[in-house]
Amino acid sequence: MTTAIEGLLRDLAPQVLGVLTRRYGQFDLCEDATQEALLQAALKWPGEGTPVNPKGWLVTVGSRRLIDQMRSEHSRREREVSDYLTTPQAALVSDVDDSLALLFLCCHPDLSVPSQIALTLRAVGGLSTAQIAAAFLVPETTMAQRISRAKAAIKDSGASFKSPGGSPPTVMHVLYLIFNEGYTASSGEELTAPHLSLEAIRLTRMLHAKLPADSEVTGLLALMLLTEARRKARTAADGSLIPLSEQDRTLWDQDLIAEGTELVGAALPKGNPGGYQVQAAIAAIHCEPGETDWPQILALYGILERMTPGPMVTLNKSVAVAKVHGPQAGLDLLGTIEGLDRHHRLLSTRAHLHELAGNTAEAASDFKEAARRTTSLPERRYLLRKLQA
């Protein structure tokens, strides 16, 4: 299968699933039918050529699969089959993109967060079960079971396109988690999983296009763009991690920085900024040329801590405190954090601050323990190099 056909099928997958789900309900059956249609296209199109109306082709194949399944359910068969056969194709395959409704359906509150993420990547992102499993380093069978349970839960909840269940905050949270996993993989041999972060950006652009007045959606998109702009500078040729302070800024994507800065600049003046907007503002400052304005970053972390208090926010704030008031002040703040216990990020941050303070033995001890605890191989290699230094 060519790259062009693969990209086309990935773009059409959520649209076809949206059409079928809007028409027939039964998300689980429609998802299976969509996958069957995509499989047939992958087998036939490279040899026979891409149809003039590829979306219509996929919807037709998927609908026929659904009808075959529905024939075993006598109470539905005549209504669904008759409705399909008497409905003009143009009415069935409209120009409406149902991807956003599908996104809200996949983020139904009855699902666990891992299930929301998996179902979103499968149904809206077009990723295969194997790709999702690989990204989260679980067996394919485990991910398949998770997705199956998620589809069953949506069916049991009675959710539909008219009442999908998910709310903008829930959807944003899922997209934020997908992006973070793609930008810094929680485990594995690679520091990043670009297909996840890029897919999160694509879906967030879609959400922003539908909700342009929602300043938090705008802030989330800006945060992703400003963060993604630094990806190429985050790793060396051998895949090892390069911290922000040591990155070659000429490798940063200036177009993404300009777009993200413009978005956050448009969102903040609307008042009552949310957590994503504040994080985007911090990211924008990091992207400014010249010396980093640490006092302003510290002030923003103070605001963020009041909005969304949590150990990770305080952890990040401690670095800004160290930059403004000295490493010991940062260490003192780290000592107040509860809930991270011996998390490798707390240990690596504390090691860094001990290093700045000249506490060599303490820094070495924390670098060693952080390296032992992280499941990311690039992070482990970086921490061991710091330990050796």
Protein backbone atom coordinates (compact mmCIF):
# COMPACT_ATOMS: atom_id res chain seq x y z
CA MET A 1 0.00 0.00 0.00
CA THR A 2 1.38 3.39 -0.98
CA THR A 3 2.00 6.18 1.49
CA ALA A 4 -0.62 8.33 -0.28
CA ILE A 5 -3.33 5.70 0.08
CA GLU A 6 -2.34 5.02 3.68
CA GLY A 7 -2.62 8.74 4.50
CA LEU A 8 -5.97 9.02 2.70
CA LEU A 9 -7.42 6.06 4.60
CA ARG A 10 -6.21 7.49 7.89
CA ASP A 11 -7.90 10.82 7.16
CA LEU A 12 -11.15 9.17 6.02
CA ALA A 13 -11.40 6.61 8.85
CA PRO A 14 -13.02 8.90 11.46
CA GLN A 15 -15.28 10.48 8.83
CA VAL A 16 -16.58 7.10 7.66
CA LEU A 17 -17.06 5.88 11.23
CA GLY A 18 -18.87 9.13 12.00
CA VAL A 19 -21.27 8.66 9.08
CA LEU A 20 -22.05 5.07 10.03
CA THR A 21 -22.48 5.83 13.73
CA ARG A 22 -24.70 8.84 13.06
CA ARG A 23 -26.81 6.74 10.71
CA TYR A 24 -27.03 3.43 12.54
CA GLY A 25 -26.01 4.11 16.16
CA GLN A 26 -24.28 1.02 17.62
CA PHE A 27 -20.75 2.39 17.82
CA ASP A 28 -19.14 -1.01 18.33
CA LEU A 29 -20.66 -2.55 15.19
CA CYS A 30 -19.94 0.56 13.15
CA GLU A 31 -16.29 0.54 14.25
CA ASP A 32 -15.93 -3.06 13.14
CA ALA A 33 -17.58 -2.27 9.82
CA THR A 34 -15.29 0.70 9.27
CA GLN A 35 -12.21 -1.40 9.92
CA GLU A 36 -13.46 -4.01 7.42
CA ALA A 37 -14.00 -1.29 4.80
CA LEU A 38 -10.52 0.12 5.40
CA LEU A 39 -9.00 -3.35 5.09
CA GLN A 40 -10.75 -3.97 1.77
CA ALA A 41 -9.59 -0.57 0.48
CA ALA A 42 -6.01 -1.33 1.51
CA LEU A 43 -6.18 -4.57 -0.46
CA LYS A 44 -7.98 -3.31 -3.56
CA TRP A 45 -7.04 0.32 -4.17
CA PRO A 46 -3.31 -0.19 -4.85
CA GLY A 47 -4.16 -2.50 -7.77
CA GLU A 48 -7.52 -1.16 -8.96
CA GLY A 49 -6.91 2.54 -8.30
CA THR A 50 -8.49 4.94 -5.83
CA PRO A 51 -12.24 5.47 -6.43
CA VAL A 52 -13.52 8.85 -7.59
CA ASN A 53 -15.41 9.15 -4.29
CA PRO A 54 -13.25 7.24 -1.77
CA LYS A 55 -15.35 8.25 1.23
CA GLY A 56 -18.52 7.06 -0.49
CA TRP A 57 -16.82 3.78 -1.41
CA LEU A 58 -15.84 3.16 2.20
CA VAL A 59 -19.27 4.10 3.55
CA THR A 60 -20.95 1.76 1.05
CA VAL A 61 -18.69 -1.16 1.94
CA GLY A 62 -19.10 -0.46 5.66
CA SER A 63 -22.88 -0.19 5.31
CA ARG A 64 -23.07 -3.52 3.51
CA ARG A 65 -21.06 -5.11 6.31
CA LEU A 66 -23.46 -3.65 8.86
CA ILE A 67 -26.47 -4.91 6.95
CA ASP A 68 -25.02 -8.40 6.87
CA GLN A 69 -24.61 -8.25 10.64
CA MET A 70 -28.07 -6.85 11.17
CA ARG A 71 -29.73 -9.64 9.19
CA SER A 72 -29.17 -11.86 12.21
CA GLU A 73 -31.28 -9.47 14.27
CA HIS A 74 -34.76 -9.95 12.86
CA SER A 75 -36.36 -7.04 14.71
CA ARG A 76 -33.99 -4.57 13.07
CA ARG A 77 -33.37 -6.16 9.71
CA GLU A 78 -36.33 -4.89 7.70
CA ARG A 79 -36.15 -1.35 9.10
CA GLU A 80 -32.41 -0.87 8.61
CA VAL A 81 -32.11 -2.67 5.27
CA SER A 82 -35.15 -0.91 3.82
CA ASP A 83 -33.92 2.45 5.07
CA TYR A 84 -30.51 1.92 3.52
CA LEU A 85 -31.85 0.66 0.19
CA THR A 86 -34.31 3.55 -0.19
CA THR A 87 -31.92 6.29 0.91
CA PRO A 88 -30.05 8.05 -1.93
CA GLN A 89 -26.28 7.59 -1.69
CA ALA A 90 -25.79 11.36 -1.65
CA ALA A 91 -27.91 11.64 1.48
CA LEU A 92 -25.97 8.88 3.20
CA VAL A 93 -22.53 10.23 2.30
CA SER A 94 -22.71 13.92 3.12
CA ASP A 95 -19.89 16.46 3.24
CA VAL A 96 -20.29 16.73 7.02
CA ASP A 97 -17.18 15.72 8.98
CA ASP A 98 -18.40 13.92 12.10
CA SER A 99 -14.92 13.54 13.57
CA LEU A 100 -15.55 16.02 16.39
CA ALA A 101 -18.75 14.29 17.51
CA LEU A 102 -16.84 11.04 17.38
CA LEU A 103 -14.10 12.55 19.54
CA PHE A 104 -16.64 13.56 22.21
CA LEU A 105 -18.20 10.10 22.04
CA CYS A 106 -14.82 8.44 22.63
CA CYS A 107 -14.25 10.65 25.68
CA HIS A 108 -17.43 9.48 27.40
CA PRO A 109 -17.15 9.92 31.19
CA ASP A 110 -18.16 6.30 31.82
CA LEU A 111 -14.80 5.25 30.37
CA SER A 112 -11.51 5.25 32.23
CA VAL A 113 -8.88 7.70 31.03
CA PRO A 114 -6.73 4.93 29.44
CA SER A 115 -9.82 3.67 27.60
CA GLN A 116 -10.71 7.17 26.41
CA ILE A 117 -7.19 7.61 25.04
CA ALA A 118 -7.12 4.20 23.34
CA LEU A 119 -10.55 4.61 21.76
CA THR A 120 -9.77 8.16 20.59
CA LEU A 121 -6.56 7.04 18.90
CA ARG A 122 -8.31 4.07 17.28
CA ALA A 123 -11.58 5.66 16.15
CA VAL A 124 -10.61 9.28 15.51
CA GLY A 125 -6.86 9.08 15.05
CA GLY A 126 -7.00 6.10 12.72
CA LEU A 127 -4.17 4.26 14.50
CA SER A 128 -4.25 0.48 14.48
CA THR A 129 -4.51 -1.51 17.67
CA ALA A 130 -0.92 -2.62 17.16
CA GLN A 131 0.29 0.98 16.81
CA ILE A 132 -1.50 2.07 19.99
CA ALA A 133 -0.20 -0.94 21.90
CA ALA A 134 3.34 -0.20 20.75
CA ALA A 135 3.08 3.44 21.77
CA PHE A 136 2.04 2.49 25.30
CA LEU A 137 4.28 -0.61 25.48
CA VAL A 138 1.53 -3.12 26.21
CA PRO A 139 0.75 -6.35 24.34
CA GLU A 140 -1.57 -5.96 21.35
CA THR A 141 -4.04 -8.39 22.93
CA THR A 142 -4.20 -6.23 26.05
CA MET A 143 -4.93 -3.09 24.02
CA ALA A 144 -7.52 -4.96 21.93
CA GLN A 145 -9.32 -6.00 25.10
CA ARG A 146 -9.21 -2.43 26.41
CA ILE A 147 -10.72 -1.09 23.20
CA SER A 148 -13.39 -3.81 23.16
CA ARG A 149 -14.38 -3.01 26.74
CA ALA A 150 -14.53 0.69 25.88
CA LYS A 151 -16.85 0.06 22.94
CA ALA A 152 -19.06 -2.14 25.09
CA ALA A 153 -19.22 0.55 27.78
CA ILE A 154 -20.34 3.16 25.25
CA LYS A 155 -23.01 0.78 23.99
CA ASP A 156 -24.24 0.10 27.53
CA SER A 157 -24.31 3.82 28.35
CA GLY A 158 -26.68 4.54 25.49
CA ALA A 159 -24.49 7.40 24.26
CA SER A 160 -25.07 8.62 20.71
CA PHE A 161 -24.15 11.46 18.40
CA LYS A 162 -27.08 13.42 19.80
CA SER A 163 -25.79 13.00 23.35
CA PRO A 164 -22.18 11.82 23.14
CA GLY A 165 -21.46 12.39 26.84
CA GLY A 166 -17.97 13.84 26.70
CA SER A 167 -17.43 17.47 27.72
CA PRO A 168 -14.82 19.94 26.38
CA PRO A 169 -12.71 19.68 29.58
CA THR A 170 -12.70 15.87 29.32
CA VAL A 171 -11.78 15.97 25.63
CA MET A 172 -9.01 18.52 26.26
CA HIS A 173 -7.61 16.40 29.08
CA VAL A 174 -7.45 13.32 26.84
CA LEU A 175 -5.77 15.28 24.03
CA TYR A 176 -3.30 16.77 26.53
CA LEU A 177 -2.37 13.30 27.79
CA ILE A 178 -1.96 11.96 24.24
CA PHE A 179 0.32 14.88 23.36
CA ASN A 180 2.44 14.48 26.48
CA GLU A 181 2.95 10.77 25.86
CA GLY A 182 4.03 11.56 22.33
CA TYR A 183 6.35 14.40 23.29
CA THR A 184 8.03 12.52 26.14
CA ALA A 185 7.32 8.80 26.03
CA SER A 186 6.88 7.38 29.52
CA SER A 187 9.02 4.36 28.66
CA GLY A 188 10.89 2.66 25.87
CA GLU A 189 13.95 3.17 23.70
CA GLU A 190 12.81 6.44 22.07
CA LEU A 191 12.40 9.75 23.85
CA THR A 192 9.39 10.71 21.76
CA ALA A 193 6.52 9.11 19.84
CA PRO A 194 5.88 11.79 17.18
CA HIS A 195 2.78 10.15 15.69
CA LEU A 196 1.00 10.58 19.03
CA SER A 197 1.85 14.25 19.60
CA LEU A 198 1.16 15.15 15.96
CA GLU A 199 -2.19 13.36 16.12
CA ALA A 200 -3.05 15.25 19.31
CA ILE A 201 -2.26 18.52 17.53
CA ARG A 202 -4.42 17.55 14.55
CA LEU A 203 -7.39 16.70 16.77
CA THR A 204 -6.93 19.85 18.85
CA ARG A 205 -6.90 21.95 15.68
CA MET A 206 -10.20 20.32 14.81
CA LEU A 207 -11.60 21.12 18.26
CA HIS A 208 -10.35 24.71 18.03
CA ALA A 209 -12.00 25.14 14.60
CA LYS A 210 -15.33 24.11 16.12
CA LEU A 211 -14.90 26.07 19.37
CA PRO A 212 -12.88 29.16 18.35
CA ALA A 213 -14.29 31.25 21.20
CA ASP A 214 -13.16 28.78 23.89
CA SER A 215 -9.97 30.37 25.18
CA GLU A 216 -8.86 27.19 26.96
CA VAL A 217 -9.04 25.20 23.73
CA THR A 218 -7.00 27.98 22.14
CA GLY A 219 -4.54 27.79 25.03
CA LEU A 220 -4.20 24.03 24.70
CA LEU A 221 -3.44 24.28 20.98
CA ALA A 222 -0.91 27.05 21.64
CA LEU A 223 0.77 24.97 24.35
CA MET A 224 1.10 21.99 22.01
CA LEU A 225 2.52 24.06 19.15
CA LEU A 226 5.04 25.90 21.32
CA THR A 227 6.18 22.64 22.89
CA GLU A 228 6.29 20.70 19.63
CA ALA A 229 8.43 23.48 18.11
CA ARG A 230 11.39 22.30 20.21
CA ARG A 231 11.20 18.59 19.28
CA LYS A 232 14.10 18.46 16.79
CA ALA A 233 16.48 20.04 19.31
CA ARG A 234 15.61 17.66 22.16
CA THR A 235 17.70 14.70 21.02
CA ALA A 236 21.24 14.22 19.73
CA ALA A 237 22.13 12.15 16.68
CA ASP A 238 22.31 9.01 18.83
CA GLY A 239 18.85 9.66 20.31
CA SER A 240 20.12 10.88 23.68
CA LEU A 241 18.25 13.61 25.54
CA ILE A 242 19.33 17.26 25.36
CA PRO A 243 17.89 19.46 28.15
CA LEU A 244 16.23 22.76 27.29
CA SER A 245 19.15 24.87 28.51
CA GLU A 246 21.57 23.08 26.15
CA GLN A 247 19.42 22.92 23.01
CA ASP A 248 20.40 24.46 19.67
CA ARG A 249 17.66 27.04 19.24
CA THR A 250 18.29 27.32 15.52
CA LEU A 251 16.62 23.91 15.26
CA TRP A 252 13.38 25.18 16.80
CA ASP A 253 10.45 25.49 14.40
CA GLN A 254 9.87 29.22 14.15
CA ASP A 255 6.57 28.84 12.28
CA LEU A 256 5.08 26.80 15.12
CA ILE A 257 6.44 29.29 17.65
CA ALA A 258 4.89 32.22 15.79
CA GLU A 259 1.53 30.46 15.50
CA GLY A 260 1.52 29.38 19.15
CA THR A 261 2.53 32.81 20.39
CA GLU A 262 -0.21 34.44 18.35
CA LEU A 263 -2.80 32.03 19.74
CA VAL A 264 -1.86 32.52 23.38
CA GLY A 265 -1.67 36.28 22.81
CA ALA A 266 -5.24 36.20 21.51
CA ALA A 267 -6.55 34.00 24.32
CA LEU A 268 -5.13 35.66 27.44
CA PRO A 269 -6.75 39.10 27.03
CA LYS A 270 -10.21 37.50 27.11
CA GLY A 271 -9.94 37.22 30.89
CA ASN A 272 -10.27 34.35 33.37
CA PRO A 273 -7.38 32.37 31.90
CA GLY A 274 -7.29 28.65 32.56
CA GLY A 275 -4.44 26.27 33.21
CA TYR A 276 -3.69 25.50 29.57
CA GLN A 277 -3.39 29.20 28.75
CA VAL A 278 -0.98 29.77 31.63
CA GLN A 279 1.14 26.79 30.58
CA ALA A 280 1.14 28.15 27.03
CA ALA A 281 2.31 31.53 28.30
CA ILE A 282 5.19 29.84 30.13
CA ALA A 283 6.10 27.91 26.98
CA ALA A 284 6.00 31.14 24.97
CA ILE A 285 8.49 32.79 27.32
CA HIS A 286 10.85 29.84 26.96
CA CYS A 287 10.67 30.35 23.18
CA GLU A 288 11.60 34.03 23.32
CA PRO A 289 15.09 34.95 22.06
CA GLY A 290 17.76 36.01 24.52
CA GLU A 291 17.94 35.32 28.24
CA THR A 292 14.96 33.52 29.77
CA ASP A 293 12.73 35.77 31.87
CA TRP A 294 12.69 33.53 34.95
CA PRO A 295 10.94 36.04 37.26
CA GLN A 296 7.99 36.16 34.86
CA ILE A 297 7.96 32.37 34.59
CA LEU A 298 7.99 32.10 38.39
CA ALA A 299 5.03 34.49 38.61
CA LEU A 300 3.10 32.40 36.09
CA TYR A 301 3.84 29.20 38.01
CA GLY A 302 2.46 30.89 41.10
CA ILE A 303 -0.78 31.55 39.20
CA LEU A 304 -0.85 28.00 37.82
CA GLU A 305 -0.29 26.54 41.28
CA ARG A 306 -3.33 28.41 42.59
CA MET A 307 -5.44 27.28 39.61
CA THR A 308 -4.41 23.64 39.44
CA PRO A 309 -2.40 22.75 42.53
CA GLY A 310 -0.47 19.51 42.35
CA PRO A 311 2.95 18.00 42.94
CA MET A 312 4.08 18.25 39.30
CA VAL A 313 3.25 21.96 39.15
CA THR A 314 5.22 22.56 42.34
CA LEU A 315 8.06 20.45 40.95
CA ASN A 316 8.32 22.65 37.85
CA LYS A 317 7.94 25.78 39.97
CA SER A 318 10.93 24.73 42.08
CA VAL A 319 13.23 25.12 39.06
CA ALA A 320 11.97 28.66 38.49
CA VAL A 321 12.43 29.41 42.21
CA ALA A 322 16.01 28.16 41.99
CA LYS A 323 16.70 30.36 38.97
CA VAL A 324 15.34 33.46 40.71
CA HIS A 325 16.17 32.91 44.40
CA GLY A 326 18.99 30.36 44.26
CA PRO A 327 19.19 26.55 44.28
CA GLN A 328 18.68 26.19 48.03
CA ALA A 329 15.32 27.95 47.79
CA GLY A 330 14.34 25.50 45.07
CA LEU A 331 15.46 22.57 47.20
CA ASP A 332 13.44 23.88 50.13
CA LEU A 333 10.32 23.98 47.92
CA LEU A 334 10.98 20.44 46.69
CA GLY A 335 11.02 19.31 50.31
CA THR A 336 7.36 20.35 50.67
CA ILE A 337 6.10 18.14 47.83
CA GLU A 338 3.93 15.19 48.78
CA GLY A 339 2.60 12.48 46.49
CA LEU A 340 5.59 11.93 44.26
CA ASP A 341 7.50 9.88 46.81
CA ARG A 342 10.54 8.58 44.96
CA HIS A 343 9.37 9.52 41.44
CA HIS A 344 12.31 9.77 39.04
CA ARG A 345 11.35 13.33 37.96
CA LEU A 346 11.50 14.59 41.52
CA LEU A 347 14.83 12.83 42.01
CA SER A 348 16.33 14.20 38.79
CA THR A 349 15.14 17.74 39.57
CA ARG A 350 16.56 17.53 43.08
CA ALA A 351 19.84 16.21 41.66
CA HIS A 352 19.98 19.16 39.26
CA LEU A 353 19.41 21.66 42.06
CA HIS A 354 21.99 19.96 44.28
CA GLU A 355 24.43 20.19 41.37
CA LEU A 356 23.74 23.94 41.04
CA ALA A 357 24.27 24.33 44.79
CA GLY A 358 27.62 22.48 44.65
CA ASN A 359 26.35 19.51 46.66
CA THR A 360 28.21 16.92 44.58
CA ALA A 361 27.58 13.84 46.73
CA GLU A 362 23.85 14.53 47.05
CA ALA A 363 23.55 15.23 43.33
CA ALA A 364 25.31 11.98 42.45
CA SER A 365 23.10 9.96 44.78
CA ASP A 366 19.91 11.42 43.30
CA PHE A 367 21.08 11.09 39.68
CA LYS A 368 21.87 7.42 40.34
CA GLU A 369 18.50 6.69 41.92
CA ALA A 370 16.60 8.64 39.24
CA ALA A 371 18.36 6.63 36.52
CA ARG A 372 17.39 3.42 38.27
CA ARG A 373 13.74 4.39 38.51
CA THR A 374 13.01 5.85 35.06
CA THR A 375 11.60 3.53 32.38
CA SER A 376 12.71 5.80 29.52
CA LEU A 377 16.05 4.63 28.12
CA PRO A 378 17.07 8.06 26.71
CA GLU A 379 16.39 9.66 30.10
CA ARG A 380 18.32 6.90 31.84
CA ARG A 381 21.34 7.40 29.58
CA TYR A 382 21.25 11.15 30.21
CA LEU A 383 21.02 10.70 33.98
CA LEU A 384 23.91 8.21 33.98
CA ARG A 385 26.06 10.66 32.03
CA LYS A 386 25.26 13.31 34.64
CA LEU A 387 26.21 10.82 37.35
CA GLN A 388 29.54 10.09 35.65
CA ALA A 389 30.22 13.81 35.27
